[in-house]
Amino acid sequence: MAVLNRNYFDPHAVSDADVKKINSVLTVLGGVVVHDTGVVY
């Protein structure tokens, strides 16, 4: 599972040009956190 910093699925929230700026703030693989920026509490 990946938690992104922007709502990729809402075309009103992210313009085509801003898609390149989307980052993962949390990534969980097999129940293990493999990436965490500390943004999600």
C-alpha atoms as a PDB file:
ATOM      1  CA  MET A   1       0.000   0.000   0.000  1.00  0.00           C
ATOM      2  CA  ALA A   2       1.231   3.495  -0.749  1.00  0.00           C
ATOM      3  CA  VAL A   3      -0.024   6.737   0.786  1.00  0.00           C
ATOM      4  CA  LEU A   4       0.585   9.670  -1.520  1.00  0.00           C
ATOM      5  CA  ASN A   5       0.972  13.340  -0.670  1.00  0.00           C
ATOM      6  CA  ARG A   6      -1.696  14.375  -3.200  1.00  0.00           C
ATOM      7  CA  ASN A   7      -5.011  12.873  -4.353  1.00  0.00           C
ATOM      8  CA  TYR A   8      -3.947  11.356  -7.673  1.00  0.00           C
ATOM      9  CA  PHE A   9      -7.472  10.134  -8.455  1.00  0.00           C
ATOM     10  CA  ASP A  10      -9.151  13.565  -8.247  1.00  0.00           C
ATOM     11  CA  PRO A  11      -8.544  15.518 -11.478  1.00  0.00           C
ATOM     12  CA  HIS A  12      -9.527  18.749  -9.697  1.00  0.00           C
ATOM     13  CA  ALA A  13      -6.905  18.253  -6.973  1.00  0.00           C
ATOM     14  CA  VAL A  14      -3.914  17.501  -9.216  1.00  0.00           C
ATOM     15  CA  SER A  15      -3.232  18.999 -12.610  1.00  0.00           C
ATOM     16  CA  ASP A  16      -1.448  17.034 -15.316  1.00  0.00           C
ATOM     17  CA  ALA A  17       1.697  19.093 -14.691  1.00  0.00           C
ATOM     18  CA  ASP A  18       1.597  18.367 -10.933  1.00  0.00           C
ATOM     19  CA  VAL A  19       1.443  14.573 -11.346  1.00  0.00           C
ATOM     20  CA  LYS A  20       5.259  14.552 -11.506  1.00  0.00           C
ATOM     21  CA  LYS A  21       5.368  16.151  -8.037  1.00  0.00           C
ATOM     22  CA  ILE A  22       3.395  13.382  -6.290  1.00  0.00           C
ATOM     23  CA  ASN A  23       5.442  11.506  -3.686  1.00  0.00           C
ATOM     24  CA  SER A  24       4.884   8.561  -1.411  1.00  0.00           C
ATOM     25  CA  VAL A  25       4.739   9.536   2.262  1.00  0.00           C
ATOM     26  CA  LEU A  26       4.189   5.965   3.494  1.00  0.00           C
ATOM     27  CA  THR A  27       4.759   2.598   1.828  1.00  0.00           C
ATOM     28  CA  VAL A  28       3.787  -0.731   3.376  1.00  0.00           C
ATOM     29  CA  LEU A  29       4.890  -4.001   1.779  1.00  0.00           C
ATOM     30  CA  GLY A  30       3.783  -7.333   3.198  1.00  0.00           C
ATOM     31  CA  GLY A  31       2.596  -5.639   6.391  1.00  0.00           C
ATOM     32  CA  VAL A  32       5.998  -4.015   6.955  1.00  0.00           C
ATOM     33  CA  VAL A  33       6.584  -0.270   6.682  1.00  0.00           C
ATOM     34  CA  VAL A  34       9.369   0.110   4.125  1.00  0.00           C
ATOM     35  CA  HIS A  35       9.210   3.889   3.670  1.00  0.00           C
ATOM     36  CA  ASP A  36       7.930   6.522   6.101  1.00  0.00           C
ATOM     37  CA  THR A  37       8.477  10.283   5.870  1.00  0.00           C
ATOM     38  CA  GLY A  38       6.840  10.870   9.259  1.00  0.00           C
ATOM     39  CA  VAL A  39       3.966  12.872   7.764  1.00  0.00           C
ATOM     40  CA  VAL A  40       1.277  10.276   8.578  1.00  0.00           C
ATOM     41  CA  TYR A  41       0.549   9.964  12.297  1.00  0.00           C
END
